[in-house]
PDB file of N, CA and C in Angstrom:
ATOM      1  N   MET A   1      21.034 -15.521 -46.523  1.00  0.00           N
ATOM      2  CA  MET A   1      19.867 -14.719 -46.267  1.00  0.00           C
ATOM      3  C   MET A   1      20.219 -13.643 -45.233  1.00  0.00           C
ATOM      4  N   VAL A   2      19.870 -12.420 -45.530  1.00  0.00           N
ATOM      5  CA  VAL A   2      20.142 -11.299 -44.639  1.00  0.00           C
ATOM      6  C   VAL A   2      18.849 -10.909 -43.941  1.00  0.00           C
ATOM      7  N   LEU A   3      18.904 -10.867 -42.622  1.00  0.00           N
ATOM      8  CA  LEU A   3      17.733 -10.440 -41.865  1.00  0.00           C
ATOM      9  C   LEU A   3      17.842  -8.948 -41.593  1.00  0.00           C
ATOM     10  N   VAL A   4      16.758  -8.238 -41.832  1.00  0.00           N
ATOM     11  CA  VAL A   4      16.731  -6.802 -41.623  1.00  0.00           C
ATOM     12  C   VAL A   4      15.816  -6.511 -40.441  1.00  0.00           C
ATOM     13  N   ALA A   5      16.298  -5.692 -39.534  1.00  0.00           N
ATOM     14  CA  ALA A   5      15.482  -5.321 -38.373  1.00  0.00           C
ATOM     15  C   ALA A   5      14.281  -4.516 -38.853  1.00  0.00           C
ATOM     16  N   PRO A   6      13.135  -4.723 -38.225  1.00  0.00           N
ATOM     17  CA  PRO A   6      11.965  -3.946 -38.640  1.00  0.00           C
ATOM     18  C   PRO A   6      12.165  -2.464 -38.329  1.00  0.00           C
ATOM     19  N   ALA A   7      11.519  -1.621 -39.125  1.00  0.00           N
ATOM     20  CA  ALA A   7      11.632  -0.174 -38.935  1.00  0.00           C
ATOM     21  C   ALA A   7      10.974   0.263 -37.634  1.00  0.00           C
ATOM     22  N   VAL A   8      10.022  -0.538 -37.165  1.00  0.00           N
ATOM     23  CA  VAL A   8       9.279  -0.235 -35.939  1.00  0.00           C
ATOM     24  C   VAL A   8       9.221  -1.505 -35.104  1.00  0.00           C
ATOM     25  N   ARG A   9       9.436  -1.344 -33.811  1.00  0.00           N
ATOM     26  CA  ARG A   9       9.316  -2.486 -32.894  1.00  0.00           C
ATOM     27  C   ARG A   9       8.036  -2.298 -32.099  1.00  0.00           C
ATOM     28  N   LEU A  10       6.996  -2.984 -32.540  1.00  0.00           N
ATOM     29  CA  LEU A  10       5.687  -2.818 -31.911  1.00  0.00           C
ATOM     30  C   LEU A  10       5.658  -3.298 -30.466  1.00  0.00           C
ATOM     31  N   ASP A  11       6.618  -4.134 -30.084  1.00  0.00           N
ATOM     32  CA  ASP A  11       6.668  -4.565 -28.686  1.00  0.00           C
ATOM     33  C   ASP A  11       6.918  -3.372 -27.763  1.00  0.00           C
ATOM     34  N   ARG A  12       7.626  -2.371 -28.246  1.00  0.00           N
ATOM     35  CA  ARG A  12       7.873  -1.172 -27.449  1.00  0.00           C
ATOM     36  C   ARG A  12       6.573  -0.404 -27.236  1.00  0.00           C
ATOM     37  N   LEU A  13       5.777  -0.313 -28.279  1.00  0.00           N
ATOM     38  CA  LEU A  13       4.476   0.356 -28.170  1.00  0.00           C
ATOM     39  C   LEU A  13       3.550  -0.442 -27.254  1.00  0.00           C
ATOM     40  N   THR A  14       3.562  -1.757 -27.378  1.00  0.00           N
ATOM     41  CA  THR A  14       2.747  -2.617 -26.520  1.00  0.00           C
ATOM     42  C   THR A  14       3.135  -2.445 -25.057  1.00  0.00           C
ATOM     43  N   ALA A  15       4.421  -2.347 -24.792  1.00  0.00           N
ATOM     44  CA  ALA A  15       4.880  -2.152 -23.410  1.00  0.00           C
ATOM     45  C   ALA A  15       4.392  -0.822 -22.849  1.00  0.00           C
ATOM     46  N   MET A  16       4.243   0.155 -23.710  1.00  0.00           N
ATOM     47  CA  MET A  16       3.843   1.484 -23.266  1.00  0.00           C
ATOM     48  C   MET A  16       2.327   1.605 -23.069  1.00  0.00           C
ATOM     49  N   VAL A  17       1.539   1.058 -24.021  1.00  0.00           N
ATOM     50  CA  VAL A  17       0.084   1.278 -23.977  1.00  0.00           C
ATOM     51  C   VAL A  17      -0.732   0.008 -23.775  1.00  0.00           C
ATOM     52  N   GLY A  18      -0.065  -1.131 -23.737  1.00  0.00           N
ATOM     53  CA  GLY A  18      -0.789  -2.382 -23.584  1.00  0.00           C
ATOM     54  C   GLY A  18      -1.128  -3.004 -24.930  1.00  0.00           C
ATOM     55  N   ASP A  19      -1.719  -4.175 -24.865  1.00  0.00           N
ATOM     56  CA  ASP A  19      -2.023  -4.950 -26.072  1.00  0.00           C
ATOM     57  C   ASP A  19      -3.433  -4.645 -26.576  1.00  0.00           C
ATOM     58  N   ASN A  20      -3.688  -3.380 -26.854  1.00  0.00           N
ATOM     59  CA  ASN A  20      -4.978  -2.948 -27.367  1.00  0.00           C
ATOM     60  C   ASN A  20      -4.777  -2.479 -28.807  1.00  0.00           C
ATOM     61  N   PRO A  21      -5.151  -3.295 -29.788  1.00  0.00           N
ATOM     62  CA  PRO A  21      -4.899  -2.953 -31.181  1.00  0.00           C
ATOM     63  C   PRO A  21      -5.505  -1.619 -31.618  1.00  0.00           C
ATOM     64  N   ALA A  22      -6.664  -1.268 -31.081  1.00  0.00           N
ATOM     65  CA  ALA A  22      -7.299  -0.008 -31.477  1.00  0.00           C
ATOM     66  C   ALA A  22      -6.486   1.190 -30.988  1.00  0.00           C
ATOM     67  N   VAL A  23      -6.013   1.123 -29.762  1.00  0.00           N
ATOM     68  CA  VAL A  23      -5.199   2.211 -29.207  1.00  0.00           C
ATOM     69  C   VAL A  23      -3.875   2.292 -29.963  1.00  0.00           C
ATOM     70  N   GLN A  24      -3.277   1.140 -30.227  1.00  0.00           N
ATOM     71  CA  GLN A  24      -2.019   1.128 -30.967  1.00  0.00           C
ATOM     72  C   GLN A  24      -2.202   1.727 -32.360  1.00  0.00           C
ATOM     73  N   ALA A  25      -3.269   1.360 -33.030  1.00  0.00           N
ATOM     74  CA  ALA A  25      -3.526   1.885 -34.375  1.00  0.00           C
ATOM     75  C   ALA A  25      -3.711   3.398 -34.339  1.00  0.00           C
ATOM     76  N   GLN A  26      -4.414   3.873 -33.338  1.00  0.00           N
ATOM     77  CA  GLN A  26      -4.631   5.313 -33.205  1.00  0.00           C
ATOM     78  C   GLN A  26      -3.299   6.041 -32.992  1.00  0.00           C
ATOM     79  N   LEU A  27      -2.449   5.499 -32.132  1.00  0.00           N
ATOM     80  CA  LEU A  27      -1.154   6.129 -31.874  1.00  0.00           C
ATOM     81  C   LEU A  27      -0.233   6.062 -33.089  1.00  0.00           C
ATOM     82  N   LEU A  28      -0.267   4.957 -33.813  1.00  0.00           N
ATOM     83  CA  LEU A  28       0.557   4.844 -35.015  1.00  0.00           C
ATOM     84  C   LEU A  28       0.102   5.827 -36.089  1.00  0.00           C
ATOM     85  N   ALA A  29      -1.207   5.973 -36.245  1.00  0.00           N
ATOM     86  CA  ALA A  29      -1.728   6.945 -37.216  1.00  0.00           C
ATOM     87  C   ALA A  29      -1.335   8.368 -36.811  1.00  0.00           C
ATOM     88  N   LEU A  30      -1.412   8.644 -35.528  1.00  0.00           N
ATOM     89  CA  LEU A  30      -1.003   9.954 -35.026  1.00  0.00           C
ATOM     90  C   LEU A  30       0.491  10.179 -35.263  1.00  0.00           C
ATOM     91  N   PHE A  31       1.300   9.136 -35.049  1.00  0.00           N
ATOM     92  CA  PHE A  31       2.733   9.259 -35.302  1.00  0.00           C
ATOM     93  C   PHE A  31       2.989   9.603 -36.764  1.00  0.00           C
ATOM     94  N   LEU A  32       2.254   8.961 -37.678  1.00  0.00           N
ATOM     95  CA  LEU A  32       2.436   9.250 -39.108  1.00  0.00           C
ATOM     96  C   LEU A  32       2.152  10.711 -39.422  1.00  0.00           C
ATOM     97  N   SER A  33       1.011  11.201 -38.971  1.00  0.00           N
ATOM     98  CA  SER A  33       0.654  12.584 -39.304  1.00  0.00           C
ATOM     99  C   SER A  33       1.573  13.580 -38.606  1.00  0.00           C
ATOM    100  N   SER A  34       1.864  13.364 -37.335  1.00  0.00           N
ATOM    101  CA  SER A  34       2.750  14.298 -36.640  1.00  0.00           C
ATOM    102  C   SER A  34       4.182  14.170 -37.164  1.00  0.00           C
ATOM    103  N   GLY A  35       4.559  12.978 -37.584  1.00  0.00           N
ATOM    104  CA  GLY A  35       5.897  12.782 -38.152  1.00  0.00           C
ATOM    105  C   GLY A  35       6.097  13.596 -39.408  1.00  0.00           C
ATOM    106  N   ARG A  36       5.092  13.625 -40.250  1.00  0.00           N
ATOM    107  CA  ARG A  36       5.191  14.438 -41.474  1.00  0.00           C
ATOM    108  C   ARG A  36       5.277  15.925 -41.130  1.00  0.00           C
ATOM    109  N   SER A  37       4.527  16.341 -40.128  1.00  0.00           N
ATOM    110  CA  SER A  37       4.602  17.740 -39.676  1.00  0.00           C
ATOM    111  C   SER A  37       5.973  18.050 -39.088  1.00  0.00           C
ATOM    112  N   ASN A  38       6.488  17.110 -38.288  1.00  0.00           N
ATOM    113  CA  ASN A  38       7.823  17.299 -37.711  1.00  0.00           C
ATOM    114  C   ASN A  38       8.880  17.411 -38.799  1.00  0.00           C
ATOM    115  N   LEU A  39       8.790  16.557 -39.809  1.00  0.00           N
ATOM    116  CA  LEU A  39       9.762  16.617 -40.903  1.00  0.00           C
ATOM    117  C   LEU A  39       9.707  17.956 -41.617  1.00  0.00           C
ATOM    118  N   ALA A  40       8.502  18.457 -41.856  1.00  0.00           N
ATOM    119  CA  ALA A  40       8.361  19.755 -42.522  1.00  0.00           C
ATOM    120  C   ALA A  40       8.965  20.865 -41.669  1.00  0.00           C
ATOM    121  N   ALA A  41       8.723  20.827 -40.365  1.00  0.00           N
ATOM    122  CA  ALA A  41       9.280  21.840 -39.458  1.00  0.00           C
ATOM    123  C   ALA A  41      10.802  21.752 -39.424  1.00  0.00           C
ATOM    124  N   ILE A  42      11.319  20.542 -39.414  1.00  0.00           N
ATOM    125  CA  ILE A  42      12.773  20.346 -39.391  1.00  0.00           C
ATOM    126  C   ILE A  42      13.402  20.826 -40.692  1.00  0.00           C
ATOM    127  N   ALA A  43      12.772  20.520 -41.810  1.00  0.00           N
ATOM    128  CA  ALA A  43      13.302  20.967 -43.109  1.00  0.00           C
ATOM    129  C   ALA A  43      13.315  22.493 -43.183  1.00  0.00           C
ATOM    130  N   ALA A  44      12.241  23.124 -42.722  1.00  0.00           N
ATOM    131  CA  ALA A  44      12.176  24.590 -42.751  1.00  0.00           C
ATOM    132  C   ALA A  44      13.229  25.198 -41.826  1.00  0.00           C
ATOM    133  N   ALA A  45      13.377  24.643 -40.629  1.00  0.00           N
ATOM    134  CA  ALA A  45      14.365  25.164 -39.687  1.00  0.00           C
ATOM    135  C   ALA A  45      15.782  24.970 -40.217  1.00  0.00           C
ATOM    136  N   ALA A  46      16.037  23.830 -40.862  1.00  0.00           N
ATOM    137  CA  ALA A  46      17.365  23.581 -41.435  1.00  0.00           C
ATOM    138  C   ALA A  46      17.646  24.566 -42.564  1.00  0.00           C
ATOM    139  N   LYS A  47      16.645  24.834 -43.374  1.00  0.00           N
ATOM    140  CA  LYS A  47      16.808  25.771 -44.500  1.00  0.00           C
ATOM    141  C   LYS A  47      17.143  27.168 -43.991  1.00  0.00           C
ATOM    142  N   HIS A  48      16.508  27.554 -42.881  1.00  0.00           N
ATOM    143  CA  HIS A  48      16.718  28.892 -42.330  1.00  0.00           C
ATOM    144  C   HIS A  48      17.855  28.939 -41.305  1.00  0.00           C
ATOM    145  N   GLY A  49      18.446  27.796 -41.003  1.00  0.00           N
ATOM    146  CA  GLY A  49      19.560  27.749 -40.068  1.00  0.00           C
ATOM    147  C   GLY A  49      19.178  28.054 -38.629  1.00  0.00           C
ATOM    148  N   SER A  50      17.954  27.689 -38.249  1.00  0.00           N
ATOM    149  CA  SER A  50      17.478  27.957 -36.897  1.00  0.00           C
ATOM    150  C   SER A  50      17.786  26.782 -35.970  1.00  0.00           C
ATOM    151  N   ALA A  51      18.933  26.849 -35.303  1.00  0.00           N
ATOM    152  CA  ALA A  51      19.368  25.763 -34.424  1.00  0.00           C
ATOM    153  C   ALA A  51      18.394  25.504 -33.271  1.00  0.00           C
ATOM    154  N   PRO A  52      17.859  26.534 -32.605  1.00  0.00           N
ATOM    155  CA  PRO A  52      16.926  26.248 -31.506  1.00  0.00           C
ATOM    156  C   PRO A  52      15.657  25.517 -31.977  1.00  0.00           C
ATOM    157  N   GLU A  53      15.121  25.921 -33.130  1.00  0.00           N
ATOM    158  CA  GLU A  53      13.939  25.233 -33.666  1.00  0.00           C
ATOM    159  C   GLU A  53      14.265  23.803 -34.064  1.00  0.00           C
ATOM    160  N   LEU A  54      15.448  23.604 -34.643  1.00  0.00           N
ATOM    161  CA  LEU A  54      15.875  22.252 -35.019  1.00  0.00           C
ATOM    162  C   LEU A  54      15.996  21.368 -33.789  1.00  0.00           C
ATOM    163  N   TYR A  55      16.619  21.898 -32.766  1.00  0.00           N
ATOM    164  CA  TYR A  55      16.800  21.120 -31.546  1.00  0.00           C
ATOM    165  C   TYR A  55      15.449  20.709 -30.961  1.00  0.00           C
ATOM    166  N   THR A  56      14.545  21.649 -30.849  1.00  0.00           N
ATOM    167  CA  THR A  56      13.230  21.377 -30.263  1.00  0.00           C
ATOM    168  C   THR A  56      12.462  20.347 -31.088  1.00  0.00           C
ATOM    169  N   ALA A  57      12.435  20.524 -32.394  1.00  0.00           N
ATOM    170  CA  ALA A  57      11.700  19.599 -33.265  1.00  0.00           C
ATOM    171  C   ALA A  57      12.327  18.210 -33.252  1.00  0.00           C
ATOM    172  N   ALA A  58      13.653  18.136 -33.279  1.00  0.00           N
ATOM    173  CA  ALA A  58      14.341  16.840 -33.266  1.00  0.00           C
ATOM    174  C   ALA A  58      14.113  16.121 -31.940  1.00  0.00           C
ATOM    175  N   HIS A  59      14.119  16.869 -30.853  1.00  0.00           N
ATOM    176  CA  HIS A  59      13.895  16.267 -29.534  1.00  0.00           C
ATOM    177  C   HIS A  59      12.484  15.680 -29.440  1.00  0.00           C
ATOM    178  N   LYS A  60      11.516  16.422 -29.895  1.00  0.00           N
ATOM    179  CA  LYS A  60      10.124  15.959 -29.875  1.00  0.00           C
ATOM    180  C   LYS A  60       9.948  14.710 -30.746  1.00  0.00           C
ATOM    181  N   PHE A  61      10.546  14.748 -31.924  1.00  0.00           N
ATOM    182  CA  PHE A  61      10.441  13.631 -32.865  1.00  0.00           C
ATOM    183  C   PHE A  61      11.149  12.402 -32.305  1.00  0.00           C
ATOM    184  N   LYS A  62      12.294  12.615 -31.648  1.00  0.00           N
ATOM    185  CA  LYS A  62      13.052  11.504 -31.053  1.00  0.00           C
ATOM    186  C   LYS A  62      12.204  10.763 -30.023  1.00  0.00           C
ATOM    187  N   SER A  63      11.548  11.510 -29.171  1.00  0.00           N
ATOM    188  CA  SER A  63      10.718  10.888 -28.132  1.00  0.00           C
ATOM    189  C   SER A  63       9.601  10.058 -28.744  1.00  0.00           C
ATOM    190  N   ALA A  64       8.952  10.602 -29.743  1.00  0.00           N
ATOM    191  CA  ALA A  64       7.860   9.873 -30.408  1.00  0.00           C
ATOM    192  C   ALA A  64       8.393   8.619 -31.097  1.00  0.00           C
ATOM    193  N   ALA A  65       9.537   8.742 -31.762  1.00  0.00           N
ATOM    194  CA  ALA A  65      10.122   7.593 -32.465  1.00  0.00           C
ATOM    195  C   ALA A  65      10.501   6.482 -31.488  1.00  0.00           C
ATOM    196  N   ARG A  66      11.072   6.860 -30.364  1.00  0.00           N
ATOM    197  CA  ARG A  66      11.444   5.846 -29.369  1.00  0.00           C
ATOM    198  C   ARG A  66      10.214   5.131 -28.818  1.00  0.00           C
ATOM    199  N   SER A  67       9.113   5.856 -28.671  1.00  0.00           N
ATOM    200  CA  SER A  67       7.916   5.246 -28.086  1.00  0.00           C
ATOM    201  C   SER A  67       7.338   4.136 -28.956  1.00  0.00           C
ATOM    202  N   ILE A  68       7.594   4.179 -30.266  1.00  0.00           N
ATOM    203  CA  ILE A  68       7.088   3.118 -31.141  1.00  0.00           C
ATOM    204  C   ILE A  68       8.199   2.162 -31.577  1.00  0.00           C
ATOM    205  N   GLY A  69       9.394   2.366 -31.052  1.00  0.00           N
ATOM    206  CA  GLY A  69      10.497   1.462 -31.386  1.00  0.00           C
ATOM    207  C   GLY A  69      11.126   1.727 -32.738  1.00  0.00           C
ATOM    208  N   ALA A  70      11.037   2.959 -33.223  1.00  0.00           N
ATOM    209  CA  ALA A  70      11.689   3.334 -34.481  1.00  0.00           C
ATOM    210  C   ALA A  70      13.103   3.815 -34.140  1.00  0.00           C
ATOM    211  N   ASP A  71      13.969   2.857 -33.838  1.00  0.00           N
ATOM    212  CA  ASP A  71      15.276   3.159 -33.268  1.00  0.00           C
ATOM    213  C   ASP A  71      16.195   3.924 -34.217  1.00  0.00           C
ATOM    214  N   ALA A  72      16.252   3.547 -35.488  1.00  0.00           N
ATOM    215  CA  ALA A  72      17.133   4.255 -36.431  1.00  0.00           C
ATOM    216  C   ALA A  72      16.684   5.714 -36.574  1.00  0.00           C
ATOM    217  N   LEU A  73      15.398   5.923 -36.617  1.00  0.00           N
ATOM    218  CA  LEU A  73      14.853   7.275 -36.700  1.00  0.00           C
ATOM    219  C   LEU A  73      15.197   8.068 -35.438  1.00  0.00           C
ATOM    220  N   ALA A  74      15.027   7.459 -34.276  1.00  0.00           N
ATOM    221  CA  ALA A  74      15.340   8.127 -33.012  1.00  0.00           C
ATOM    222  C   ALA A  74      16.824   8.476 -32.924  1.00  0.00           C
ATOM    223  N   GLN A  75      17.685   7.583 -33.385  1.00  0.00           N
ATOM    224  CA  GLN A  75      19.125   7.851 -33.345  1.00  0.00           C
ATOM    225  C   GLN A  75      19.498   9.020 -34.250  1.00  0.00           C
ATOM    226  N   THR A  76      18.850   9.118 -35.393  1.00  0.00           N
ATOM    227  CA  THR A  76      19.120  10.232 -36.291  1.00  0.00           C
ATOM    228  C   THR A  76      18.612  11.539 -35.692  1.00  0.00           C
ATOM    229  N   CYS A  77      17.469  11.484 -35.027  1.00  0.00           N
ATOM    230  CA  CYS A  77      16.968  12.665 -34.316  1.00  0.00           C
ATOM    231  C   CYS A  77      17.959  13.115 -33.256  1.00  0.00           C
ATOM    232  N   GLU A  78      18.519  12.153 -32.542  1.00  0.00           N
ATOM    233  CA  GLU A  78      19.491  12.471 -31.499  1.00  0.00           C
ATOM    234  C   GLU A  78      20.747  13.112 -32.099  1.00  0.00           C
ATOM    235  N   ALA A  79      21.181  12.603 -33.234  1.00  0.00           N
ATOM    236  CA  ALA A  79      22.345  13.198 -33.910  1.00  0.00           C
ATOM    237  C   ALA A  79      22.028  14.620 -34.363  1.00  0.00           C
ATOM    238  N   LEU A  80      20.822  14.835 -34.852  1.00  0.00           N
ATOM    239  CA  LEU A  80      20.412  16.178 -35.256  1.00  0.00           C
ATOM    240  C   LEU A  80      20.366  17.116 -34.048  1.00  0.00           C
ATOM    241  N   GLU A  81      19.880  16.617 -32.920  1.00  0.00           N
ATOM    242  CA  GLU A  81      19.884  17.414 -31.685  1.00  0.00           C
ATOM    243  C   GLU A  81      21.307  17.886 -31.348  1.00  0.00           C
ATOM    244  N   ARG A  82      22.261  16.958 -31.417  1.00  0.00           N
ATOM    245  CA  ARG A  82      23.659  17.296 -31.093  1.00  0.00           C
ATOM    246  C   ARG A  82      24.202  18.360 -32.049  1.00  0.00           C
ATOM    247  N   GLN A  83      23.891  18.194 -33.343  1.00  0.00           N
ATOM    248  CA  GLN A  83      24.375  19.162 -34.334  1.00  0.00           C
ATOM    249  C   GLN A  83      23.743  20.535 -34.099  1.00  0.00           C
ATOM    250  N   ALA A  84      22.465  20.538 -33.777  1.00  0.00           N
ATOM    251  CA  ALA A  84      21.781  21.810 -33.523  1.00  0.00           C
ATOM    252  C   ALA A  84      22.372  22.484 -32.282  1.00  0.00           C
ATOM    253  N   LYS A  85      22.651  21.679 -31.277  1.00  0.00           N
ATOM    254  CA  LYS A  85      23.221  22.218 -30.033  1.00  0.00           C
ATOM    255  C   LYS A  85      24.614  22.803 -30.280  1.00  0.00           C
ATOM    256  N   SER A  86      25.363  22.182 -31.180  1.00  0.00           N
ATOM    257  CA  SER A  86      26.712  22.668 -31.485  1.00  0.00           C
ATOM    258  C   SER A  86      26.688  23.847 -32.454  1.00  0.00           C
ATOM    259  N   GLY A  87      25.532  24.093 -33.086  1.00  0.00           N
ATOM    260  CA  GLY A  87      25.408  25.221 -34.003  1.00  0.00           C
ATOM    261  C   GLY A  87      26.061  24.987 -35.349  1.00  0.00           C
ATOM    262  N   ASP A  88      26.149  23.731 -35.771  1.00  0.00           N
ATOM    263  CA  ASP A  88      26.775  23.387 -37.051  1.00  0.00           C
ATOM    264  C   ASP A  88      25.710  23.315 -38.151  1.00  0.00           C
ATOM    265  N   PRO A  89      25.566  24.369 -38.964  1.00  0.00           N
ATOM    266  CA  PRO A  89      24.502  24.381 -39.978  1.00  0.00           C
ATOM    267  C   PRO A  89      24.637  23.281 -41.028  1.00  0.00           C
ATOM    268  N   ALA A  90      25.861  23.000 -41.459  1.00  0.00           N
ATOM    269  CA  ALA A  90      26.049  21.949 -42.475  1.00  0.00           C
ATOM    270  C   ALA A  90      25.670  20.587 -41.906  1.00  0.00           C
ATOM    271  N   GLY A  91      26.085  20.325 -40.667  1.00  0.00           N
ATOM    272  CA  GLY A  91      25.723  19.066 -40.016  1.00  0.00           C
ATOM    273  C   GLY A  91      24.227  18.962 -39.810  1.00  0.00           C
ATOM    274  N   CYS A  92      23.611  20.067 -39.470  1.00  0.00           N
ATOM    275  CA  CYS A  92      22.149  20.070 -39.287  1.00  0.00           C
ATOM    276  C   CYS A  92      21.429  19.720 -40.575  1.00  0.00           C
ATOM    277  N   ARG A  93      21.863  20.326 -41.675  1.00  0.00           N
ATOM    278  CA  ARG A  93      21.219  20.027 -42.969  1.00  0.00           C
ATOM    279  C   ARG A  93      21.406  18.556 -43.339  1.00  0.00           C
ATOM    280  N   LEU A  94      22.600  18.034 -43.101  1.00  0.00           N
ATOM    281  CA  LEU A  94      22.882  16.627 -43.417  1.00  0.00           C
ATOM    282  C   LEU A  94      21.969  15.696 -42.621  1.00  0.00           C
ATOM    283  N   PHE A  95      21.885  15.913 -41.314  1.00  0.00           N
ATOM    284  CA  PHE A  95      21.053  15.031 -40.496  1.00  0.00           C
ATOM    285  C   PHE A  95      19.563  15.247 -40.750  1.00  0.00           C
ATOM    286  N   ALA A  96      19.174  16.456 -41.130  1.00  0.00           N
ATOM    287  CA  ALA A  96      17.772  16.700 -41.489  1.00  0.00           C
ATOM    288  C   ALA A  96      17.404  15.883 -42.729  1.00  0.00           C
ATOM    289  N   GLU A  97      18.324  15.812 -43.693  1.00  0.00           N
ATOM    290  CA  GLU A  97      18.088  15.001 -44.901  1.00  0.00           C
ATOM    291  C   GLU A  97      18.044  13.515 -44.544  1.00  0.00           C
ATOM    292  N   GLN A  98      18.960  13.082 -43.685  1.00  0.00           N
ATOM    293  CA  GLN A  98      18.965  11.675 -43.273  1.00  0.00           C
ATOM    294  C   GLN A  98      17.700  11.317 -42.510  1.00  0.00           C
ATOM    295  N   LEU A  99      17.205  12.256 -41.752  1.00  0.00           N
ATOM    296  CA  LEU A  99      15.982  12.031 -40.991  1.00  0.00           C
ATOM    297  C   LEU A  99      14.820  11.708 -41.925  1.00  0.00           C
ATOM    298  N   ALA A 100      14.716  12.466 -42.994  1.00  0.00           N
ATOM    299  CA  ALA A 100      13.658  12.211 -43.973  1.00  0.00           C
ATOM    300  C   ALA A 100      13.802  10.812 -44.576  1.00  0.00           C
ATOM    301  N   ALA A 101      15.033  10.411 -44.850  1.00  0.00           N
ATOM    302  CA  ALA A 101      15.276   9.076 -45.407  1.00  0.00           C
ATOM    303  C   ALA A 101      14.937   7.976 -44.405  1.00  0.00           C
ATOM    304  N   HIS A 102      15.199   8.206 -43.117  1.00  0.00           N
ATOM    305  CA  HIS A 102      14.880   7.201 -42.098  1.00  0.00           C
ATOM    306  C   HIS A 102      13.385   7.161 -41.772  1.00  0.00           C
ATOM    307  N   PHE A 103      12.690   8.235 -42.058  1.00  0.00           N
ATOM    308  CA  PHE A 103      11.250   8.255 -41.794  1.00  0.00           C
ATOM    309  C   PHE A 103      10.496   7.375 -42.785  1.00  0.00           C
ATOM    310  N   GLU A 104      10.940   7.311 -44.018  1.00  0.00           N
ATOM    311  CA  GLU A 104      10.205   6.578 -45.064  1.00  0.00           C
ATOM    312  C   GLU A 104       9.948   5.109 -44.722  1.00  0.00           C
ATOM    313  N   PRO A 105      10.962   4.325 -44.301  1.00  0.00           N
ATOM    314  CA  PRO A 105      10.661   2.926 -43.960  1.00  0.00           C
ATOM    315  C   PRO A 105       9.728   2.805 -42.753  1.00  0.00           C
ATOM    316  N   VAL A 106       9.826   3.750 -41.834  1.00  0.00           N
ATOM    317  CA  VAL A 106       8.927   3.741 -40.681  1.00  0.00           C
ATOM    318  C   VAL A 106       7.501   4.003 -41.156  1.00  0.00           C
ATOM    319  N   ALA A 107       7.335   5.007 -42.005  1.00  0.00           N
ATOM    320  CA  ALA A 107       6.008   5.332 -42.536  1.00  0.00           C
ATOM    321  C   ALA A 107       5.446   4.161 -43.349  1.00  0.00           C
ATOM    322  N   ASP A 108       6.292   3.523 -44.139  1.00  0.00           N
ATOM    323  CA  ASP A 108       5.847   2.369 -44.941  1.00  0.00           C
ATOM    324  C   ASP A 108       5.409   1.219 -44.031  1.00  0.00           C
ATOM    325  N   PHE A 109       6.198   0.951 -42.991  1.00  0.00           N
ATOM    326  CA  PHE A 109       5.864  -0.120 -42.055  1.00  0.00           C
ATOM    327  C   PHE A 109       4.525   0.154 -41.383  1.00  0.00           C
ATOM    328  N   ILE A 110       4.352   1.373 -40.895  1.00  0.00           N
ATOM    329  CA  ILE A 110       3.107   1.725 -40.205  1.00  0.00           C
ATOM    330  C   ILE A 110       1.924   1.642 -41.151  1.00  0.00           C
ATOM    331  N   ALA A 111       2.073   2.167 -42.348  1.00  0.00           N
ATOM    332  CA  ALA A 111       0.981   2.121 -43.321  1.00  0.00           C
ATOM    333  C   ALA A 111       0.586   0.677 -43.635  1.00  0.00           C
ATOM    334  N   ALA A 112       1.576  -0.191 -43.818  1.00  0.00           N
ATOM    335  CA  ALA A 112       1.292  -1.600 -44.100  1.00  0.00           C
ATOM    336  C   ALA A 112       0.629  -2.269 -42.901  1.00  0.00           C
ATOM    337  N   HIS A 113       1.122  -1.952 -41.716  1.00  0.00           N
ATOM    338  CA  HIS A 113       0.543  -2.525 -40.496  1.00  0.00           C
ATOM    339  C   HIS A 113      -0.920  -2.101 -40.338  1.00  0.00           C
ATOM    340  N   LEU A 114      -1.201  -0.830 -40.543  1.00  0.00           N
ATOM    341  CA  LEU A 114      -2.570  -0.335 -40.400  1.00  0.00           C
ATOM    342  C   LEU A 114      -3.482  -0.903 -41.483  1.00  0.00           C
ATOM    343  N   ALA A 115      -2.957  -1.040 -42.694  1.00  0.00           N
ATOM    344  CA  ALA A 115      -3.766  -1.615 -43.782  1.00  0.00           C
ATOM    345  C   ALA A 115      -4.100  -3.073 -43.486  1.00  0.00           C
ATOM    346  N   ALA A 116      -3.124  -3.838 -42.980  1.00  0.00           N
ATOM    347  CA  ALA A 116      -3.364  -5.250 -42.642  1.00  0.00           C
ATOM    348  C   ALA A 116      -4.380  -5.350 -41.511  1.00  0.00           C
ATOM    349  N   ARG A 117      -4.287  -4.469 -40.540  1.00  0.00           N
ATOM    350  CA  ARG A 117      -5.243  -4.455 -39.430  1.00  0.00           C
ATOM    351  C   ARG A 117      -6.653  -4.157 -39.935  1.00  0.00           C
ATOM    352  N   ASP A 118      -6.759  -3.175 -40.827  1.00  0.00           N
ATOM    353  CA  ASP A 118      -8.076  -2.826 -41.393  1.00  0.00           C
ATOM    354  C   ASP A 118      -8.654  -3.997 -42.196  1.00  0.00           C
ATOM    355  N   GLN A 119      -7.806  -4.667 -42.956  1.00  0.00           N
ATOM    356  CA  GLN A 119      -8.269  -5.801 -43.748  1.00  0.00           C
ATOM    357  C   GLN A 119      -8.784  -6.913 -42.847  1.00  0.00           C
ATOM    358  N   LEU A 120      -8.085  -7.189 -41.755  1.00  0.00           N
ATOM    359  CA  LEU A 120      -8.539  -8.218 -40.816  1.00  0.00           C
ATOM    360  C   LEU A 120      -9.876  -7.849 -40.198  1.00  0.00           C
ATOM    361  N   GLN A 121     -10.069  -6.586 -39.900  1.00  0.00           N
ATOM    362  CA  GLN A 121     -11.331  -6.150 -39.308  1.00  0.00           C
ATOM    363  C   GLN A 121     -12.489  -6.316 -40.292  1.00  0.00           C
ATOM    364  N   HIS A 122     -12.235  -6.052 -41.566  1.00  0.00           N
ATOM    365  CA  HIS A 122     -13.295  -6.174 -42.577  1.00  0.00           C
ATOM    366  C   HIS A 122     -13.650  -7.640 -42.845  1.00  0.00           C
ATOM    367  N   GLU A 123     -12.695  -8.535 -42.632  1.00  0.00           N
ATOM    368  CA  GLU A 123     -12.940  -9.955 -42.866  1.00  0.00           C
ATOM    369  C   GLU A 123     -13.729 -10.578 -41.722  1.00  0.00           C
ATOM    370  N   GLU A 124     -13.696  -9.951 -40.557  1.00  0.00           N
ATOM    371  CA  GLU A 124     -14.396 -10.530 -39.395  1.00  0.00           C
ATOM    372  C   GLU A 124     -15.872 -10.280 -39.443  1.00  0.00           C
TER     373      GLU A 124
END
């Protein structure tokens, strides 16, 4: 049996904001919507070869990912930051694509977590 680390470590979010499910749900929902916006900005900047925009967007996304314990996503953001800083367009495009791939399991985890939370609230 292979154990897979979760895409999000909610203990990191709990350490940051406390054990308030409503606040956590609000922040996770915000992460989802802003994450999609960040991905779109990163894809556009990568397409146009704008290293400063890539760096800024990757840095912002990295901080948000770390706050919810999305470590693989944060590490990819950090790699994209380095590529943008070095001015390597091919590396930037590669890490921008990987970023999108690392976002999907995080988005799926958050969506499932929020759906389970909503279901529990409706049952009470």
